[in-house]
Every structure is written in structure tokens, then in C-alpha cells.
């Protein structure tokens, strides 16, 4: 069996571990929020660039429709 002092020491140790875990979880959550925001920003930029690229591709003439170069 454990003495009162040993139990108090074990409880204090467990409380310290719990506090450390709570702080770690809070920091990880904050970091996750930052990464999620960055992900959404990058996702918007990729969608915009994809749209721009598709528009440019649609505006470009089909090479078959262009006249042959002058040296032919």
C-alpha cells in the first residue's frame, strides 16, 4: 500500500502531466488552426490559377487552325 505522502506525490505528478498535456493540446490546436487557414488560402489560389489556366487554354487557337510557317 502507498502512504499518504506517496499518494500525494503521485497525484501531484499526474496533475503535472495532465497540465503539460493540456498545454500541448492547446498549442497543437492553435497550430492546426493556422495550417487550416493557410490550406484554405492556398486552395483558393490553386482554384483561381486553375481557372485562369483553363481560360487561357480556351482562348488559345488550335494549332491545326494556324497557317503553316512561311518556310513551307
Foldseek 3Di string as FASTA:
>chain_A
DDDPVRVVVVVVVVVVVVVVVVVVVVVVVVVVVVVVVVVVVVVVVVVVVVVVVVVVVVPDDDVVPDDDDPVD
